């Protein structure tokens, strides 16, 4: 955002200051978009882990397989990295000049993927978190009130409740931001701007990818 406003301040002296190479612009747009996808997939991964921990709360602490944890983390990076590799090696993207570099002018935004993949993932994570909270509270209520298993199980359930509540709030915020981003992108993409300065201001003010 700061860079855009610097360009705006100098646009009178340099009329072509917003011009950019399409190939470089597309690559930069994809790199900027990758962290958002990683956050969404990361929340999905943690939501699944909390559900499993709550469902098998009596035996969950006994299983410590670090390879599964490492593999799960790597999985969240697979699609973003494959997509970046594809964009960086796509021969169809020509090295031409675009009036302004953004995710819209570089055509790196896939509205269908955002609506049919990312938004449903956030919605499913919210549903899974609510189920996990309900399950943890139900198990806590039915847990026996004595013995070592009671202490261990009670601790695991309390941990699941606190952590799932935090993840639910984080997922809700992420879900809201994704929806705002989609609506803002769609609005800007279908709005005619007088020049690229007003387009740039609208883009950096309303959209984070």
N, C-alpha and C. Protein backbone atom coordinates (compact mmCIF):
# COMPACT_ATOMS: atom_id res chain seq x y z
N UNK A 1 0.82 -1.19 0.00
CA UNK A 1 0.00 0.00 0.00
C UNK A 1 0.87 1.26 0.00
N UNK A 2 1.94 1.26 0.82
CA UNK A 2 2.83 2.41 0.90
C UNK A 2 3.48 2.68 -0.45
N UNK A 3 3.87 1.60 -1.14
CA UNK A 3 4.51 1.75 -2.46
C UNK A 3 3.55 2.40 -3.46
N UNK A 4 2.29 2.01 -3.40
CA UNK A 4 1.29 2.56 -4.33
C UNK A 4 1.13 4.06 -4.13
N UNK A 5 1.07 4.49 -2.88
CA UNK A 5 0.90 5.92 -2.61
C UNK A 5 2.14 6.73 -3.02
N UNK A 6 3.32 6.11 -2.93
CA UNK A 6 4.54 6.76 -3.42
C UNK A 6 4.45 6.94 -4.94
N UNK A 7 3.95 5.90 -5.61
CA UNK A 7 3.77 5.99 -7.07
C UNK A 7 2.76 7.07 -7.44
N UNK A 8 1.69 7.19 -6.66
CA UNK A 8 0.67 8.20 -6.93
C UNK A 8 1.24 9.60 -6.79
N UNK A 9 2.06 9.81 -5.78
CA UNK A 9 2.66 11.13 -5.55
C UNK A 9 3.58 11.54 -6.69
N UNK A 10 4.18 10.54 -7.35
CA UNK A 10 5.11 10.84 -8.44
C UNK A 10 4.50 10.66 -9.83
N UNK A 11 3.21 10.37 -9.89
CA UNK A 11 2.58 10.07 -11.18
C UNK A 11 2.49 11.29 -12.10
N UNK A 12 2.42 12.49 -11.54
CA UNK A 12 2.35 13.70 -12.38
C UNK A 12 3.64 13.93 -13.14
N UNK A 13 4.76 13.67 -12.49
CA UNK A 13 6.06 13.86 -13.14
C UNK A 13 6.43 12.69 -14.04
N UNK A 14 5.89 11.49 -13.71
CA UNK A 14 6.20 10.30 -14.50
C UNK A 14 4.88 9.59 -14.86
N UNK A 15 4.27 9.97 -15.97
CA UNK A 15 2.95 9.43 -16.36
C UNK A 15 2.91 7.91 -16.49
N UNK A 16 4.05 7.31 -16.83
CA UNK A 16 4.07 5.84 -17.04
C UNK A 16 4.60 5.08 -15.83
N UNK A 17 4.56 5.73 -14.69
CA UNK A 17 5.17 5.12 -13.50
C UNK A 17 4.43 3.86 -13.05
N UNK A 18 3.13 3.74 -13.40
CA UNK A 18 2.35 2.56 -13.00
C UNK A 18 2.55 1.37 -13.94
N UNK A 19 3.14 1.62 -15.10
CA UNK A 19 3.32 0.54 -16.08
C UNK A 19 4.23 -0.55 -15.52
N UNK A 20 3.89 -1.80 -15.84
CA UNK A 20 4.66 -2.93 -15.31
C UNK A 20 4.67 -4.07 -16.32
N UNK A 21 5.67 -4.92 -16.18
CA UNK A 21 5.77 -6.11 -17.02
C UNK A 21 4.76 -7.15 -16.54
N UNK A 22 3.93 -7.66 -17.45
CA UNK A 22 2.88 -8.61 -17.09
C UNK A 22 3.44 -9.88 -16.45
N UNK A 23 4.53 -10.38 -16.99
CA UNK A 23 5.13 -11.61 -16.47
C UNK A 23 5.56 -11.44 -15.02
N UNK A 24 6.27 -10.34 -14.74
CA UNK A 24 6.72 -10.07 -13.37
C UNK A 24 5.52 -9.79 -12.47
N UNK A 25 4.55 -9.05 -12.99
CA UNK A 25 3.36 -8.71 -12.22
C UNK A 25 2.58 -9.96 -11.82
N UNK A 26 2.43 -10.89 -12.74
CA UNK A 26 1.70 -12.14 -12.45
C UNK A 26 2.42 -12.94 -11.37
N UNK A 27 3.73 -12.99 -11.45
CA UNK A 27 4.50 -13.73 -10.45
C UNK A 27 4.39 -13.08 -9.07
N UNK A 28 4.48 -11.76 -9.03
CA UNK A 28 4.37 -11.05 -7.76
C UNK A 28 2.98 -11.22 -7.15
N UNK A 29 1.96 -11.20 -7.99
CA UNK A 29 0.59 -11.37 -7.52
C UNK A 29 0.39 -12.75 -6.91
N UNK A 30 0.97 -13.76 -7.54
CA UNK A 30 0.85 -15.12 -7.02
C UNK A 30 1.59 -15.28 -5.70
N UNK A 31 2.75 -14.65 -5.58
CA UNK A 31 3.52 -14.70 -4.33
C UNK A 31 2.75 -14.01 -3.21
N UNK A 32 2.13 -12.87 -3.53
CA UNK A 32 1.34 -12.14 -2.52
C UNK A 32 0.12 -12.94 -2.08
N UNK A 33 -0.42 -13.75 -2.98
CA UNK A 33 -1.63 -14.52 -2.69
C UNK A 33 -1.36 -15.78 -1.88
N UNK A 34 -0.15 -16.30 -1.98
CA UNK A 34 0.20 -17.58 -1.34
C UNK A 34 0.01 -17.58 0.18
N UNK A 35 0.43 -16.54 0.93
CA UNK A 35 0.25 -16.58 2.39
C UNK A 35 -1.21 -16.70 2.83
N UNK A 36 -2.13 -16.10 2.07
CA UNK A 36 -3.55 -16.19 2.42
C UNK A 36 -4.03 -17.63 2.28
N UNK A 37 -3.60 -18.30 1.22
CA UNK A 37 -3.97 -19.69 1.03
C UNK A 37 -3.39 -20.56 2.13
N UNK A 38 -2.15 -20.27 2.54
CA UNK A 38 -1.51 -21.04 3.60
C UNK A 38 -2.25 -20.88 4.93
N UNK A 39 -2.74 -19.67 5.20
CA UNK A 39 -3.51 -19.44 6.43
C UNK A 39 -4.80 -20.28 6.42
N UNK A 40 -5.49 -20.27 5.28
CA UNK A 40 -6.74 -21.03 5.16
C UNK A 40 -6.49 -22.52 5.35
N UNK A 41 -5.47 -23.06 4.66
CA UNK A 41 -5.17 -24.48 4.78
C UNK A 41 -4.64 -24.82 6.16
N UNK A 42 -3.91 -23.89 6.77
CA UNK A 42 -3.39 -24.11 8.12
C UNK A 42 -4.52 -24.21 9.14
N UNK A 43 -5.51 -23.31 9.03
CA UNK A 43 -6.66 -23.36 9.93
C UNK A 43 -7.44 -24.66 9.73
N UNK A 44 -7.56 -25.08 8.47
CA UNK A 44 -8.25 -26.35 8.19
C UNK A 44 -7.51 -27.52 8.84
N UNK A 45 -6.19 -27.51 8.76
CA UNK A 45 -5.38 -28.58 9.35
C UNK A 45 -5.54 -28.62 10.87
N UNK A 46 -5.47 -27.46 11.51
CA UNK A 46 -5.60 -27.40 12.97
C UNK A 46 -7.00 -27.80 13.40
N UNK A 47 -8.02 -27.41 12.63
CA UNK A 47 -9.40 -27.79 12.95
C UNK A 47 -9.58 -29.30 12.93
N UNK A 48 -9.00 -29.95 11.93
CA UNK A 48 -9.07 -31.41 11.82
C UNK A 48 -8.33 -32.06 12.99
N UNK A 49 -7.16 -31.51 13.32
CA UNK A 49 -6.36 -32.06 14.43
C UNK A 49 -7.10 -31.96 15.75
N UNK A 50 -7.78 -30.83 15.98
CA UNK A 50 -8.53 -30.65 17.24
C UNK A 50 -9.72 -31.61 17.32
N UNK A 51 -10.35 -31.86 16.18
CA UNK A 51 -11.47 -32.80 16.17
C UNK A 51 -10.99 -34.20 16.51
N UNK A 52 -9.88 -34.62 15.92
CA UNK A 52 -9.32 -35.95 16.21
C UNK A 52 -8.90 -36.04 17.68
N UNK A 53 -8.26 -34.98 18.19
CA UNK A 53 -7.82 -34.96 19.58
C UNK A 53 -9.00 -35.06 20.54
N UNK A 54 -10.11 -34.44 20.19
CA UNK A 54 -11.29 -34.47 21.04
C UNK A 54 -12.02 -35.81 20.95
N UNK A 55 -12.08 -36.35 19.74
CA UNK A 55 -12.78 -37.62 19.54
C UNK A 55 -12.06 -38.77 20.25
N UNK A 56 -10.72 -38.75 20.19
CA UNK A 56 -9.91 -39.79 20.83
C UNK A 56 -9.16 -39.21 22.04
N UNK A 57 -9.87 -38.43 22.84
CA UNK A 57 -9.20 -37.69 23.91
C UNK A 57 -8.56 -38.58 24.97
N UNK A 58 -9.05 -39.81 25.17
CA UNK A 58 -8.49 -40.68 26.20
C UNK A 58 -7.14 -41.27 25.80
N UNK A 59 -6.93 -41.43 24.50
CA UNK A 59 -5.69 -42.06 24.03
C UNK A 59 -4.81 -41.14 23.20
N UNK A 60 -5.27 -39.92 22.96
CA UNK A 60 -4.57 -39.03 22.03
C UNK A 60 -3.15 -38.71 22.49
N UNK A 61 -2.97 -38.50 23.79
CA UNK A 61 -1.64 -38.13 24.30
C UNK A 61 -0.63 -39.27 24.20
N UNK A 62 -1.11 -40.49 24.04
CA UNK A 62 -0.21 -41.64 23.97
C UNK A 62 0.42 -41.81 22.59
N UNK A 63 -0.15 -41.14 21.59
CA UNK A 63 0.38 -41.26 20.23
C UNK A 63 1.20 -40.02 19.88
N UNK A 64 2.49 -40.23 19.65
CA UNK A 64 3.38 -39.13 19.31
C UNK A 64 4.16 -39.49 18.04
N UNK A 65 3.53 -39.26 16.91
CA UNK A 65 4.15 -39.54 15.63
C UNK A 65 4.51 -38.23 14.96
N UNK A 66 5.79 -37.85 15.07
CA UNK A 66 6.23 -36.56 14.54
C UNK A 66 6.23 -36.54 13.01
N UNK A 67 6.34 -37.73 12.41
CA UNK A 67 6.33 -37.78 10.94
C UNK A 67 4.96 -37.37 10.39
N UNK A 68 3.91 -37.78 11.07
CA UNK A 68 2.56 -37.41 10.64
C UNK A 68 2.38 -35.89 10.76
N UNK A 69 2.88 -35.32 11.85
CA UNK A 69 2.78 -33.86 12.05
C UNK A 69 3.54 -33.12 10.96
N UNK A 70 4.78 -33.59 10.68
CA UNK A 70 5.60 -32.95 9.65
C UNK A 70 4.94 -33.07 8.28
N UNK A 71 4.39 -34.25 7.98
CA UNK A 71 3.72 -34.47 6.69
C UNK A 71 2.50 -33.58 6.54
N UNK A 72 1.74 -33.41 7.64
CA UNK A 72 0.55 -32.57 7.60
C UNK A 72 0.90 -31.12 7.30
N UNK A 73 2.01 -30.65 7.87
CA UNK A 73 2.46 -29.28 7.61
C UNK A 73 2.88 -29.12 6.16
N UNK A 74 3.60 -30.11 5.65
CA UNK A 74 4.07 -30.06 4.25
C UNK A 74 2.88 -30.05 3.29
N UNK A 75 1.82 -30.80 3.62
CA UNK A 75 0.64 -30.89 2.75
C UNK A 75 0.04 -29.51 2.48
N UNK A 76 0.03 -28.65 3.51
CA UNK A 76 -0.57 -27.31 3.34
C UNK A 76 0.21 -26.46 2.35
N UNK A 77 1.49 -26.82 2.11
CA UNK A 77 2.32 -26.05 1.19
C UNK A 77 2.27 -26.59 -0.24
N UNK A 78 1.74 -27.80 -0.43
CA UNK A 78 1.84 -28.46 -1.74
C UNK A 78 1.15 -27.66 -2.83
N UNK A 79 -0.15 -27.34 -2.65
CA UNK A 79 -0.88 -26.63 -3.71
C UNK A 79 -0.29 -25.25 -4.00
N UNK A 80 -0.03 -24.41 -2.98
CA UNK A 80 0.57 -23.09 -3.29
C UNK A 80 1.89 -23.19 -4.04
N UNK A 81 2.73 -24.15 -3.65
CA UNK A 81 4.03 -24.29 -4.31
C UNK A 81 3.88 -24.80 -5.74
N UNK A 82 2.99 -25.77 -5.95
CA UNK A 82 2.75 -26.28 -7.31
C UNK A 82 2.20 -25.17 -8.20
N UNK A 83 1.28 -24.38 -7.64
CA UNK A 83 0.69 -23.29 -8.41
C UNK A 83 1.74 -22.23 -8.75
N UNK A 84 2.61 -21.91 -7.80
CA UNK A 84 3.68 -20.94 -8.06
C UNK A 84 4.63 -21.47 -9.13
N UNK A 85 4.97 -22.76 -9.05
CA UNK A 85 5.85 -23.37 -10.05
C UNK A 85 5.22 -23.30 -11.44
N UNK A 86 3.90 -23.55 -11.51
CA UNK A 86 3.19 -23.50 -12.78
C UNK A 86 3.22 -22.09 -13.36
N UNK A 87 2.96 -21.09 -12.52
CA UNK A 87 2.94 -19.70 -12.99
C UNK A 87 4.32 -19.25 -13.45
N UNK A 88 5.34 -19.64 -12.70
CA UNK A 88 6.71 -19.23 -13.05
C UNK A 88 7.20 -19.91 -14.33
N UNK A 89 6.56 -21.00 -14.73
CA UNK A 89 7.00 -21.73 -15.92
C UNK A 89 5.93 -21.81 -17.01
N UNK A 90 4.89 -20.99 -16.89
CA UNK A 90 3.81 -21.01 -17.87
C UNK A 90 4.21 -20.23 -19.13
N UNK A 91 4.37 -20.90 -20.26
CA UNK A 91 4.78 -20.21 -21.49
C UNK A 91 3.70 -19.31 -22.08
N UNK A 92 2.45 -19.47 -21.61
CA UNK A 92 1.35 -18.67 -22.14
C UNK A 92 1.38 -17.23 -21.62
N UNK A 93 2.07 -17.00 -20.49
CA UNK A 93 2.14 -15.65 -19.93
C UNK A 93 3.24 -14.88 -20.66
N UNK A 94 2.84 -13.94 -21.48
CA UNK A 94 3.80 -13.19 -22.28
C UNK A 94 4.35 -11.99 -21.50
N UNK A 95 5.55 -11.61 -21.86
CA UNK A 95 6.19 -10.47 -21.21
C UNK A 95 5.77 -9.19 -21.91
N UNK A 96 4.56 -8.76 -21.62
CA UNK A 96 4.03 -7.52 -22.19
C UNK A 96 3.83 -6.49 -21.09
N UNK A 97 3.53 -5.27 -21.49
CA UNK A 97 3.37 -4.17 -20.52
C UNK A 97 1.90 -4.00 -20.19
N UNK A 98 1.61 -3.88 -18.89
CA UNK A 98 0.24 -3.57 -18.43
C UNK A 98 0.27 -2.20 -17.77
N UNK A 99 -0.83 -1.44 -17.84
CA UNK A 99 -0.85 -0.08 -17.30
C UNK A 99 -0.61 -0.02 -15.79
N UNK A 100 -1.02 -1.08 -15.08
CA UNK A 100 -0.87 -1.09 -13.63
C UNK A 100 -0.78 -2.54 -13.16
N UNK A 101 0.12 -2.81 -12.22
CA UNK A 101 0.31 -4.18 -11.73
C UNK A 101 -0.62 -4.46 -10.55
N UNK A 102 -1.50 -5.42 -10.73
CA UNK A 102 -2.38 -5.87 -9.64
C UNK A 102 -2.82 -7.29 -9.94
N UNK A 103 -3.47 -7.90 -8.97
CA UNK A 103 -3.96 -9.26 -9.17
C UNK A 103 -5.08 -9.32 -10.20
N UNK A 104 -5.74 -8.17 -10.44
CA UNK A 104 -6.80 -8.11 -11.45
C UNK A 104 -6.24 -7.92 -12.84
N UNK A 105 -5.31 -6.98 -12.99
CA UNK A 105 -4.73 -6.73 -14.31
C UNK A 105 -3.85 -7.89 -14.77
N UNK A 106 -3.31 -8.66 -13.82
CA UNK A 106 -2.47 -9.80 -14.20
C UNK A 106 -3.27 -11.09 -14.34
N UNK A 107 -4.59 -11.01 -14.07
CA UNK A 107 -5.50 -12.17 -14.18
C UNK A 107 -5.08 -13.34 -13.28
N UNK A 108 -4.54 -13.02 -12.11
CA UNK A 108 -4.15 -14.08 -11.18
C UNK A 108 -5.29 -14.46 -10.23
N UNK A 109 -6.38 -13.70 -10.28
CA UNK A 109 -7.52 -13.98 -9.42
C UNK A 109 -8.48 -14.95 -10.10
N UNK A 110 -8.74 -16.06 -9.43
CA UNK A 110 -9.71 -17.05 -9.92
C UNK A 110 -10.95 -16.97 -9.03
N UNK A 111 -11.97 -16.24 -9.51
CA UNK A 111 -13.19 -16.05 -8.71
C UNK A 111 -13.87 -17.39 -8.42
N UNK A 112 -13.85 -18.30 -9.39
CA UNK A 112 -14.50 -19.60 -9.21
C UNK A 112 -13.84 -20.38 -8.07
N UNK A 113 -12.50 -20.35 -8.02
CA UNK A 113 -11.77 -21.06 -6.97
C UNK A 113 -12.03 -20.44 -5.60
N UNK A 114 -12.12 -19.12 -5.56
CA UNK A 114 -12.36 -18.44 -4.29
C UNK A 114 -13.75 -18.76 -3.74
N UNK A 115 -14.73 -18.82 -4.64
CA UNK A 115 -16.12 -19.07 -4.20
C UNK A 115 -16.36 -20.56 -3.96
N UNK A 116 -15.79 -21.41 -4.81
CA UNK A 116 -16.10 -22.84 -4.73
C UNK A 116 -15.13 -23.65 -3.87
N UNK A 117 -13.96 -23.06 -3.53
CA UNK A 117 -12.96 -23.81 -2.75
C UNK A 117 -12.66 -23.13 -1.42
N UNK A 118 -12.15 -21.91 -1.47
CA UNK A 118 -11.67 -21.25 -0.24
C UNK A 118 -12.81 -20.91 0.72
N UNK A 119 -13.90 -20.35 0.20
CA UNK A 119 -15.04 -20.01 1.07
C UNK A 119 -15.66 -21.25 1.70
N UNK A 120 -15.92 -22.33 0.93
CA UNK A 120 -16.44 -23.55 1.56
C UNK A 120 -15.50 -24.16 2.60
N UNK A 121 -14.18 -24.07 2.37
CA UNK A 121 -13.22 -24.59 3.35
C UNK A 121 -13.40 -23.87 4.68
N UNK A 122 -13.51 -22.54 4.64
CA UNK A 122 -13.72 -21.75 5.85
C UNK A 122 -15.04 -22.12 6.53
N UNK A 123 -16.08 -22.33 5.72
CA UNK A 123 -17.39 -22.69 6.27
C UNK A 123 -17.35 -24.07 6.93
N UNK A 124 -16.70 -25.02 6.28
CA UNK A 124 -16.60 -26.37 6.83
C UNK A 124 -15.76 -26.38 8.11
N UNK A 125 -14.72 -25.54 8.14
CA UNK A 125 -13.89 -25.44 9.35
C UNK A 125 -14.69 -24.89 10.52
N UNK A 126 -15.53 -23.91 10.25
CA UNK A 126 -16.40 -23.36 11.30
C UNK A 126 -17.34 -24.43 11.83
N UNK A 127 -17.94 -25.20 10.92
CA UNK A 127 -18.84 -26.28 11.31
C UNK A 127 -18.10 -27.34 12.12
N UNK A 128 -16.90 -27.71 11.66
CA UNK A 128 -16.10 -28.72 12.35
C UNK A 128 -15.70 -28.24 13.75
N UNK A 129 -15.36 -26.96 13.87
CA UNK A 129 -15.00 -26.41 15.18
C UNK A 129 -16.18 -26.44 16.14
N UNK A 130 -17.36 -26.12 15.65
CA UNK A 130 -18.56 -26.14 16.50
C UNK A 130 -18.87 -27.57 16.95
N UNK A 131 -18.70 -28.53 16.05
CA UNK A 131 -18.90 -29.94 16.40
C UNK A 131 -17.87 -30.37 17.45
N UNK A 132 -16.63 -29.93 17.29
CA UNK A 132 -15.57 -30.25 18.24
C UNK A 132 -15.86 -29.69 19.63
N UNK A 133 -16.33 -28.45 19.67
CA UNK A 133 -16.70 -27.83 20.95
C UNK A 133 -17.83 -28.60 21.62
N UNK A 134 -18.84 -28.94 20.84
CA UNK A 134 -19.98 -29.70 21.39
C UNK A 134 -19.53 -31.05 21.91
N UNK A 135 -18.67 -31.71 21.14
CA UNK A 135 -18.18 -33.04 21.52
C UNK A 135 -17.33 -32.96 22.79
N UNK A 136 -16.47 -31.96 22.88
CA UNK A 136 -15.60 -31.80 24.05
C UNK A 136 -16.42 -31.53 25.31
N UNK A 137 -17.42 -30.68 25.21
CA UNK A 137 -18.28 -30.37 26.36
C UNK A 137 -19.13 -31.58 26.77
N UNK A 138 -19.58 -32.34 25.79
CA UNK A 138 -20.37 -33.53 26.09
C UNK A 138 -19.51 -34.58 26.79
N UNK A 139 -18.29 -34.80 26.27
CA UNK A 139 -17.38 -35.77 26.87
C UNK A 139 -16.96 -35.34 28.27
N UNK A 140 -16.75 -34.04 28.45
CA UNK A 140 -16.38 -33.52 29.77
C UNK A 140 -17.49 -33.76 30.78
N UNK A 141 -18.71 -33.61 30.34
CA UNK A 141 -19.86 -33.81 31.23
C UNK A 141 -20.01 -35.28 31.61
N UNK A 142 -19.70 -36.18 30.69
CA UNK A 142 -19.86 -37.61 30.93
C UNK A 142 -18.62 -38.28 31.50
N UNK A 143 -17.54 -37.52 31.67
CA UNK A 143 -16.29 -38.08 32.18
C UNK A 143 -16.43 -38.45 33.66
N UNK A 144 -15.91 -39.64 34.09
CA UNK A 144 -15.95 -40.02 35.51
C UNK A 144 -15.21 -39.00 36.38
N UNK A 145 -15.57 -38.90 37.63
CA UNK A 145 -15.03 -37.87 38.51
C UNK A 145 -13.88 -38.35 39.39
N UNK A 146 -13.25 -39.45 39.04
CA UNK A 146 -12.11 -39.90 39.85
C UNK A 146 -11.14 -40.71 38.99
N UNK A 147 -9.92 -40.92 39.54
CA UNK A 147 -8.91 -41.73 38.89
C UNK A 147 -8.00 -40.94 37.97
N UNK A 148 -6.89 -41.58 37.60
CA UNK A 148 -5.89 -40.94 36.73
C UNK A 148 -6.47 -40.63 35.36
N UNK A 149 -7.30 -41.57 34.84
CA UNK A 149 -7.89 -41.35 33.52
C UNK A 149 -8.78 -40.11 33.52
N UNK A 150 -9.42 -39.87 34.67
CA UNK A 150 -10.26 -38.66 34.79
C UNK A 150 -9.42 -37.40 34.66
N UNK A 151 -8.28 -37.37 35.37
CA UNK A 151 -7.40 -36.19 35.33
C UNK A 151 -6.85 -35.97 33.93
N UNK A 152 -6.35 -37.06 33.30
CA UNK A 152 -5.76 -36.95 31.96
C UNK A 152 -6.82 -36.56 30.93
N UNK A 153 -7.98 -37.24 31.00
CA UNK A 153 -9.04 -36.94 30.05
C UNK A 153 -9.60 -35.55 30.23
N UNK A 154 -9.76 -35.14 31.49
CA UNK A 154 -10.27 -33.81 31.79
C UNK A 154 -9.34 -32.74 31.25
N UNK A 155 -8.04 -32.96 31.41
CA UNK A 155 -7.04 -32.00 30.92
C UNK A 155 -7.11 -31.89 29.40
N UNK A 156 -7.20 -33.03 28.72
CA UNK A 156 -7.26 -33.04 27.26
C UNK A 156 -8.51 -32.34 26.75
N UNK A 157 -9.63 -32.55 27.43
CA UNK A 157 -10.88 -31.92 27.02
C UNK A 157 -10.85 -30.41 27.26
N UNK A 158 -10.31 -29.99 28.41
CA UNK A 158 -10.19 -28.55 28.69
C UNK A 158 -9.29 -27.87 27.67
N UNK A 159 -8.20 -28.56 27.31
CA UNK A 159 -7.29 -28.01 26.30
C UNK A 159 -7.99 -27.90 24.94
N UNK A 160 -8.76 -28.92 24.61
CA UNK A 160 -9.48 -28.91 23.33
C UNK A 160 -10.49 -27.78 23.28
N UNK A 161 -11.21 -27.57 24.39
CA UNK A 161 -12.22 -26.51 24.44
C UNK A 161 -11.58 -25.14 24.27
N UNK A 162 -10.51 -24.86 25.02
CA UNK A 162 -9.85 -23.55 24.95
C UNK A 162 -9.24 -23.31 23.57
N UNK A 163 -8.54 -24.32 23.05
CA UNK A 163 -7.87 -24.14 21.76
C UNK A 163 -8.86 -24.05 20.61
N UNK A 164 -9.92 -24.86 20.68
CA UNK A 164 -10.93 -24.84 19.62
C UNK A 164 -11.68 -23.51 19.61
N UNK A 165 -11.93 -22.95 20.78
CA UNK A 165 -12.57 -21.64 20.85
C UNK A 165 -11.72 -20.58 20.16
N UNK A 166 -10.41 -20.65 20.40
CA UNK A 166 -9.49 -19.70 19.78
C UNK A 166 -9.46 -19.89 18.26
N UNK A 167 -9.42 -21.14 17.81
CA UNK A 167 -9.39 -21.44 16.39
C UNK A 167 -10.71 -21.02 15.72
N UNK A 168 -11.82 -21.19 16.43
CA UNK A 168 -13.12 -20.81 15.88
C UNK A 168 -13.18 -19.30 15.62
N UNK A 169 -12.66 -18.53 16.57
CA UNK A 169 -12.62 -17.07 16.39
C UNK A 169 -11.70 -16.70 15.22
N UNK A 170 -10.52 -17.33 15.16
CA UNK A 170 -9.56 -17.05 14.08
C UNK A 170 -10.15 -17.42 12.73
N UNK A 171 -10.82 -18.57 12.66
CA UNK A 171 -11.44 -19.00 11.42
C UNK A 171 -12.58 -18.08 11.02
N UNK A 172 -13.34 -17.60 12.00
CA UNK A 172 -14.43 -16.66 11.71
C UNK A 172 -13.91 -15.37 11.11
N UNK A 173 -12.81 -14.86 11.66
CA UNK A 173 -12.20 -13.64 11.13
C UNK A 173 -11.68 -13.89 9.71
N UNK A 174 -11.01 -15.03 9.53
CA UNK A 174 -10.49 -15.38 8.20
C UNK A 174 -11.62 -15.53 7.19
N UNK A 175 -12.70 -16.17 7.61
CA UNK A 175 -13.87 -16.36 6.74
C UNK A 175 -14.45 -15.01 6.33
N UNK A 176 -14.58 -14.11 7.29
CA UNK A 176 -15.12 -12.78 7.01
C UNK A 176 -14.22 -12.02 6.04
N UNK A 177 -12.91 -12.08 6.24
CA UNK A 177 -11.97 -11.39 5.36
C UNK A 177 -12.00 -11.95 3.95
N UNK A 178 -12.13 -13.28 3.83
CA UNK A 178 -12.21 -13.90 2.51
C UNK A 178 -13.47 -13.43 1.78
N UNK A 179 -14.60 -13.38 2.48
CA UNK A 179 -15.84 -12.92 1.87
C UNK A 179 -15.74 -11.46 1.44
N UNK A 180 -15.17 -10.62 2.32
CA UNK A 180 -14.98 -9.20 1.98
C UNK A 180 -14.07 -9.06 0.77
N UNK A 181 -13.02 -9.88 0.74
CA UNK A 181 -12.07 -9.84 -0.37
C UNK A 181 -12.74 -10.21 -1.69
N UNK A 182 -13.55 -11.27 -1.66
CA UNK A 182 -14.24 -11.72 -2.88
C UNK A 182 -15.20 -10.65 -3.38
N UNK A 183 -15.99 -10.08 -2.47
CA UNK A 183 -16.96 -9.04 -2.84
C UNK A 183 -16.25 -7.79 -3.36
N UNK A 184 -15.15 -7.42 -2.71
CA UNK A 184 -14.40 -6.24 -3.14
C UNK A 184 -13.77 -6.46 -4.51
N UNK A 185 -13.21 -7.64 -4.72
CA UNK A 185 -12.62 -7.96 -6.03
C UNK A 185 -13.68 -7.93 -7.13
N UNK A 186 -14.81 -8.53 -6.85
CA UNK A 186 -15.88 -8.57 -7.84
C UNK A 186 -16.39 -7.16 -8.15
N UNK A 187 -16.52 -6.33 -7.11
CA UNK A 187 -16.99 -4.96 -7.31
C UNK A 187 -16.01 -4.14 -8.13
N UNK A 188 -14.73 -4.22 -7.77
CA UNK A 188 -13.71 -3.45 -8.49
C UNK A 188 -13.56 -3.94 -9.92
N UNK A 189 -13.63 -5.26 -10.11
CA UNK A 189 -13.49 -5.83 -11.45
C UNK A 189 -14.61 -5.39 -12.39
N UNK A 190 -15.76 -5.06 -11.82
CA UNK A 190 -16.92 -4.66 -12.64
C UNK A 190 -17.21 -3.16 -12.54
N UNK A 191 -16.24 -2.40 -12.06
CA UNK A 191 -16.38 -0.94 -11.97
C UNK A 191 -15.46 -0.26 -12.97
N UNK A 192 -15.97 0.73 -13.66
CA UNK A 192 -15.15 1.49 -14.61
C UNK A 192 -14.54 2.70 -13.90
N UNK A 193 -13.21 2.75 -13.88
CA UNK A 193 -12.50 3.85 -13.24
C UNK A 193 -12.00 4.83 -14.29
N UNK A 194 -11.94 6.10 -13.89
CA UNK A 194 -11.48 7.15 -14.82
C UNK A 194 -10.01 6.99 -15.17
N UNK A 195 -9.23 6.56 -14.22
CA UNK A 195 -7.79 6.36 -14.46
C UNK A 195 -7.27 5.30 -13.50
N UNK A 196 -6.01 4.94 -13.68
CA UNK A 196 -5.42 3.88 -12.87
C UNK A 196 -5.04 4.35 -11.47
N UNK A 197 -5.04 5.65 -11.23
CA UNK A 197 -4.77 6.15 -9.88
C UNK A 197 -5.93 5.80 -8.96
N UNK A 198 -7.16 6.09 -9.40
CA UNK A 198 -8.33 5.76 -8.59
C UNK A 198 -8.50 4.24 -8.47
N UNK A 199 -8.15 3.53 -9.54
CA UNK A 199 -8.19 2.08 -9.49
C UNK A 199 -7.20 1.54 -8.45
N UNK A 200 -5.99 2.10 -8.44
CA UNK A 200 -4.96 1.67 -7.50
C UNK A 200 -5.36 1.93 -6.06
N UNK A 201 -5.93 3.11 -5.81
CA UNK A 201 -6.38 3.46 -4.46
C UNK A 201 -7.47 2.51 -3.99
N UNK A 202 -8.44 2.23 -4.86
CA UNK A 202 -9.52 1.31 -4.51
C UNK A 202 -8.99 -0.09 -4.26
N UNK A 203 -8.04 -0.51 -5.08
CA UNK A 203 -7.49 -1.86 -4.96
C UNK A 203 -6.76 -2.06 -3.65
N UNK A 204 -5.86 -1.15 -3.29
CA UNK A 204 -5.06 -1.33 -2.07
C UNK A 204 -5.88 -1.03 -0.81
N UNK A 205 -6.96 -0.28 -0.95
CA UNK A 205 -7.78 0.08 0.22
C UNK A 205 -8.74 -1.03 0.62
N UNK A 206 -9.21 -1.82 -0.38
CA UNK A 206 -10.27 -2.79 -0.10
C UNK A 206 -9.83 -4.23 -0.17
N UNK A 207 -8.69 -4.50 -0.80
CA UNK A 207 -8.31 -5.88 -1.09
C UNK A 207 -6.93 -6.17 -0.52
N UNK A 208 -6.77 -7.37 0.05
CA UNK A 208 -5.47 -7.75 0.61
C UNK A 208 -4.76 -8.82 -0.22
N UNK A 209 -5.25 -9.09 -1.44
CA UNK A 209 -4.55 -10.02 -2.32
C UNK A 209 -4.86 -9.68 -3.77
